């Protein structure tokens, strides 16, 4: 079976993300995530409850600064909506 391609597998800079997600997290308020890398293909993400993205996140809790790190996809999609691709 051929391996599915991951179109978002290379890390991007904060000002050129693959996607932008925005929402309100009840614990920290308004938050914005910028997806800089996806570790798996879309079909593998859909079957993995622990799938994650490498993101830049900014909120009141980060004092308006970008913080970089891995975040579970389910934690982003629970409170946010994709606003830009």
C-alpha atoms as a PDB file:
ATOM      1  CA  UNK A   1       0.000   0.000   0.000  1.00  0.00           C
ATOM      2  CA  UNK A   2       1.538   3.362  -0.987  1.00  0.00           C
ATOM      3  CA  UNK A   3       2.352   5.819   1.751  1.00  0.00           C
ATOM      4  CA  UNK A   4       0.141   8.914   1.840  1.00  0.00           C
ATOM      5  CA  UNK A   5       1.911  12.225   1.377  1.00  0.00           C
ATOM      6  CA  UNK A   6       1.971  14.790   4.185  1.00  0.00           C
ATOM      7  CA  UNK A   7       1.622  18.204   2.480  1.00  0.00           C
ATOM      8  CA  UNK A   8       2.343  20.070   5.752  1.00  0.00           C
ATOM      9  CA  UNK A   9       5.429  18.139   6.832  1.00  0.00           C
ATOM     10  CA  UNK A  10       7.990  20.934   6.577  1.00  0.00           C
ATOM     11  CA  UNK A  11       8.256  23.518   9.350  1.00  0.00           C
ATOM     12  CA  UNK A  12       7.212  27.050   8.404  1.00  0.00           C
ATOM     13  CA  UNK A  13       7.789  30.403  10.060  1.00  0.00           C
ATOM     14  CA  UNK A  14       5.139  32.093  12.225  1.00  0.00           C
ATOM     15  CA  UNK A  15       4.297  34.651   9.513  1.00  0.00           C
ATOM     16  CA  UNK A  16       3.721  31.920   6.862  1.00  0.00           C
ATOM     17  CA  UNK A  17       1.703  29.180   8.640  1.00  0.00           C
ATOM     18  CA  UNK A  18      -0.192  26.362   6.958  1.00  0.00           C
ATOM     19  CA  UNK A  19      -3.358  27.287   8.878  1.00  0.00           C
ATOM     20  CA  UNK A  20      -4.587  29.808  11.448  1.00  0.00           C
ATOM     21  CA  UNK A  21      -7.084  28.811  14.144  1.00  0.00           C
ATOM     22  CA  UNK A  22      -8.803  31.252  16.523  1.00  0.00           C
ATOM     23  CA  UNK A  23     -11.181  30.795  19.418  1.00  0.00           C
ATOM     24  CA  UNK A  24     -11.904  31.271  23.092  1.00  0.00           C
ATOM     25  CA  UNK A  25     -10.540  28.820  25.627  1.00  0.00           C
ATOM     26  CA  UNK A  26     -12.551  29.074  28.873  1.00  0.00           C
ATOM     27  CA  UNK A  27      -9.383  28.869  30.973  1.00  0.00           C
ATOM     28  CA  UNK A  28      -7.234  31.448  29.145  1.00  0.00           C
ATOM     29  CA  UNK A  29      -9.539  33.549  26.973  1.00  0.00           C
ATOM     30  CA  UNK A  30      -8.943  34.469  23.326  1.00  0.00           C
ATOM     31  CA  UNK A  31      -6.295  32.344  21.647  1.00  0.00           C
ATOM     32  CA  UNK A  32      -4.749  32.072  18.202  1.00  0.00           C
ATOM     33  CA  UNK A  33      -2.856  29.055  16.905  1.00  0.00           C
ATOM     34  CA  UNK A  34      -0.683  29.103  13.809  1.00  0.00           C
ATOM     35  CA  UNK A  35       0.042  25.630  12.468  1.00  0.00           C
ATOM     36  CA  UNK A  36       3.709  25.480  11.492  1.00  0.00           C
ATOM     37  CA  UNK A  37       4.016  21.722  10.912  1.00  0.00           C
ATOM     38  CA  UNK A  38       1.827  18.624  10.849  1.00  0.00           C
ATOM     39  CA  UNK A  39       3.480  15.349  11.782  1.00  0.00           C
ATOM     40  CA  UNK A  40       1.041  13.012  10.025  1.00  0.00           C
ATOM     41  CA  UNK A  41      -1.009  12.819   6.868  1.00  0.00           C
ATOM     42  CA  UNK A  42      -4.680  13.848   7.212  1.00  0.00           C
ATOM     43  CA  UNK A  43      -5.966  10.250   7.166  1.00  0.00           C
ATOM     44  CA  UNK A  44      -3.546   9.203   9.912  1.00  0.00           C
ATOM     45  CA  UNK A  45      -4.494  12.253  12.015  1.00  0.00           C
ATOM     46  CA  UNK A  46      -8.152  11.230  11.828  1.00  0.00           C
ATOM     47  CA  UNK A  47      -7.426   7.810  13.350  1.00  0.00           C
ATOM     48  CA  UNK A  48      -4.910   8.917  16.007  1.00  0.00           C
ATOM     49  CA  UNK A  49      -6.450  10.452  19.170  1.00  0.00           C
ATOM     50  CA  UNK A  50      -2.973  11.712  20.152  1.00  0.00           C
ATOM     51  CA  UNK A  51      -2.139  13.383  16.845  1.00  0.00           C
ATOM     52  CA  UNK A  52      -0.377  16.716  17.278  1.00  0.00           C
ATOM     53  CA  UNK A  53       0.754  19.776  15.400  1.00  0.00           C
ATOM     54  CA  UNK A  54       3.730  22.040  15.930  1.00  0.00           C
ATOM     55  CA  UNK A  55       2.199  25.476  16.497  1.00  0.00           C
ATOM     56  CA  UNK A  56       2.802  29.043  17.527  1.00  0.00           C
ATOM     57  CA  UNK A  57       0.201  30.097  20.106  1.00  0.00           C
ATOM     58  CA  UNK A  58      -0.667  33.575  21.348  1.00  0.00           C
ATOM     59  CA  UNK A  59      -3.121  34.567  24.082  1.00  0.00           C
ATOM     60  CA  UNK A  60      -3.463  36.727  27.181  1.00  0.00           C
ATOM     61  CA  UNK A  61      -1.634  33.948  29.050  1.00  0.00           C
ATOM     62  CA  UNK A  62       1.426  34.443  26.802  1.00  0.00           C
ATOM     63  CA  UNK A  63       1.252  38.238  27.260  1.00  0.00           C
ATOM     64  CA  UNK A  64       0.795  38.698  23.510  1.00  0.00           C
ATOM     65  CA  UNK A  65       3.984  36.828  22.599  1.00  0.00           C
ATOM     66  CA  UNK A  66       4.153  33.719  20.416  1.00  0.00           C
ATOM     67  CA  UNK A  67       4.981  30.484  22.209  1.00  0.00           C
ATOM     68  CA  UNK A  68       6.090  27.520  20.125  1.00  0.00           C
ATOM     69  CA  UNK A  69       5.399  23.877  20.833  1.00  0.00           C
ATOM     70  CA  UNK A  70       3.442  20.741  20.068  1.00  0.00           C
ATOM     71  CA  UNK A  71      -0.296  20.740  20.768  1.00  0.00           C
ATOM     72  CA  UNK A  72      -2.842  17.947  20.437  1.00  0.00           C
ATOM     73  CA  UNK A  73      -5.129  18.587  17.478  1.00  0.00           C
ATOM     74  CA  UNK A  74      -8.189  17.826  19.608  1.00  0.00           C
ATOM     75  CA  UNK A  75      -7.250  20.644  22.016  1.00  0.00           C
ATOM     76  CA  UNK A  76      -7.161  23.145  19.139  1.00  0.00           C
ATOM     77  CA  UNK A  77     -10.311  22.020  17.348  1.00  0.00           C
ATOM     78  CA  UNK A  78     -12.322  21.842  20.588  1.00  0.00           C
ATOM     79  CA  UNK A  79     -12.274  25.624  21.153  1.00  0.00           C
ATOM     80  CA  UNK A  80     -11.159  27.103  17.832  1.00  0.00           C
ATOM     81  CA  UNK A  81     -12.219  27.423  14.227  1.00  0.00           C
ATOM     82  CA  UNK A  82      -9.930  27.601  11.234  1.00  0.00           C
ATOM     83  CA  UNK A  83      -9.942  31.156   9.904  1.00  0.00           C
ATOM     84  CA  UNK A  84      -7.199  30.964   7.288  1.00  0.00           C
ATOM     85  CA  UNK A  85      -5.503  28.320   5.162  1.00  0.00           C
END
